Amino acid sequence: MAAYWISHGEVSDPETYGKYAAIAKGVIADHGGEFLARGTKTIWLEGNDRSRNIVVKFPSVEDAIRCYESEEYQAALVFARDVSVRELCIIEGDESS
């Protein structure tokens, strides 16, 4: 069953964060991740708005977790940690996703 990374964040240093994004994009793809929405128009109806919102589809929850926990992704996160505030969750899709 498919799973989705939902990420919301704010970036204080786009240049450094760009290093994270460049590495993470390839790692996510290597784990079967497909970007569904990234940098597109976002309309907040509730909660705290964030300037960066991303949705990535993975083949399964296990694939999404493996990606996040991978050595390569954790190495990419070094560039994001001090220059961004992020929330990231994994949501399992329903049987029709």
Protein backbone atom coordinates (compact mmCIF):
# COMPACT_ATOMS: atom_id res chain seq x y z
CA MET A 1 0.00 0.00 0.00
CA ALA A 2 1.36 3.44 -0.90
CA ALA A 3 2.59 5.87 1.73
CA TYR A 4 3.11 9.62 1.65
CA TRP A 5 5.69 11.92 3.18
CA ILE A 6 4.04 15.19 4.08
CA SER A 7 6.55 17.92 4.87
CA HIS A 8 6.02 21.52 5.92
CA GLY A 9 8.86 23.90 6.64
CA GLU A 10 10.52 27.28 6.78
CA VAL A 11 14.06 27.88 5.56
CA SER A 12 16.37 30.56 6.90
CA ASP A 13 19.34 29.86 4.58
CA PRO A 14 18.22 28.79 1.08
CA GLU A 15 21.78 28.22 -0.17
CA THR A 16 22.65 25.70 2.54
CA TYR A 17 19.20 24.12 2.37
CA GLY A 18 19.71 23.72 -1.36
CA LYS A 19 22.57 21.31 -0.61
CA TYR A 20 20.13 19.18 1.39
CA ALA A 21 17.55 19.30 -1.40
CA ALA A 22 20.07 18.32 -4.09
CA ILE A 23 21.12 15.21 -2.19
CA ALA A 24 17.69 14.30 -0.81
CA LYS A 25 16.04 14.36 -4.22
CA GLY A 26 18.23 11.51 -5.48
CA VAL A 27 17.98 9.50 -2.26
CA ILE A 28 14.20 9.77 -2.29
CA ALA A 29 14.09 8.60 -5.91
CA ASP A 30 16.44 5.70 -5.08
CA HIS A 31 13.89 4.52 -2.49
CA GLY A 32 10.96 4.67 -4.92
CA GLY A 33 9.80 8.13 -3.87
CA GLU A 34 7.89 10.26 -6.37
CA PHE A 35 7.32 13.96 -5.76
CA LEU A 36 3.62 14.77 -6.15
CA ALA A 37 3.73 18.38 -4.94
CA ARG A 38 6.75 20.57 -4.27
CA GLY A 39 6.80 24.33 -4.25
CA THR A 40 3.27 24.56 -5.58
CA LYS A 41 0.53 26.92 -4.41
CA THR A 42 -0.59 26.12 -0.88
CA ILE A 43 -3.76 27.37 0.76
CA TRP A 44 -3.78 26.99 4.53
CA LEU A 45 -7.17 26.46 6.10
CA GLU A 46 -6.00 25.56 9.62
CA GLY A 47 -2.76 25.43 11.57
CA ASN A 48 0.55 27.18 11.04
CA ASP A 49 1.31 28.13 7.48
CA ARG A 50 4.72 27.19 6.10
CA SER A 51 6.37 28.44 2.95
CA ARG A 52 7.65 25.01 1.85
CA ASN A 53 5.19 22.14 1.50
CA ILE A 54 6.04 18.82 -0.09
CA VAL A 55 4.18 15.57 -0.77
CA VAL A 56 6.15 12.49 -1.81
CA LYS A 57 4.57 9.13 -2.66
CA PHE A 58 6.45 5.94 -1.75
CA PRO A 59 5.49 2.36 -2.62
CA SER A 60 4.98 1.55 1.09
CA VAL A 61 5.41 2.84 4.63
CA GLU A 62 8.44 0.60 4.94
CA ASP A 63 10.06 2.19 1.87
CA ALA A 64 9.41 5.67 3.27
CA ILE A 65 10.95 4.74 6.62
CA ARG A 66 13.95 3.07 4.96
CA CYS A 67 14.53 6.23 2.96
CA TYR A 68 14.38 8.48 6.01
CA GLU A 69 16.61 6.20 8.08
CA SER A 70 19.14 5.61 5.28
CA GLU A 71 22.69 6.76 5.77
CA GLU A 72 22.44 8.88 2.61
CA TYR A 73 19.31 10.73 3.71
CA GLN A 74 20.67 11.33 7.19
CA ALA A 75 23.82 12.79 5.60
CA ALA A 76 21.63 15.16 3.56
CA LEU A 77 19.76 16.24 6.70
CA VAL A 78 23.00 17.70 8.09
CA PHE A 79 22.48 20.59 5.65
CA ALA A 80 18.83 21.14 6.66
CA ARG A 81 18.91 20.89 10.45
CA ASP A 82 20.34 24.29 11.40
CA VAL A 83 18.76 26.29 8.58
CA SER A 84 15.17 25.09 8.64
CA VAL A 85 12.19 24.33 10.84
CA ARG A 86 10.37 21.30 9.48
CA GLU A 87 7.58 18.91 10.24
CA LEU A 88 7.58 15.56 8.46
CA CYS A 89 5.18 12.67 8.78
CA ILE A 90 4.44 9.48 6.91
CA ILE A 91 0.81 8.70 6.13
CA GLU A 92 -0.25 5.30 4.86
CA GLY A 93 -2.55 5.52 1.88
CA ASP A 94 -5.81 3.69 1.66
CA GLU A 95 -6.18 0.58 -0.48
CA SER A 96 -7.16 2.61 -3.54
CA SER A 97 -4.00 4.80 -3.50
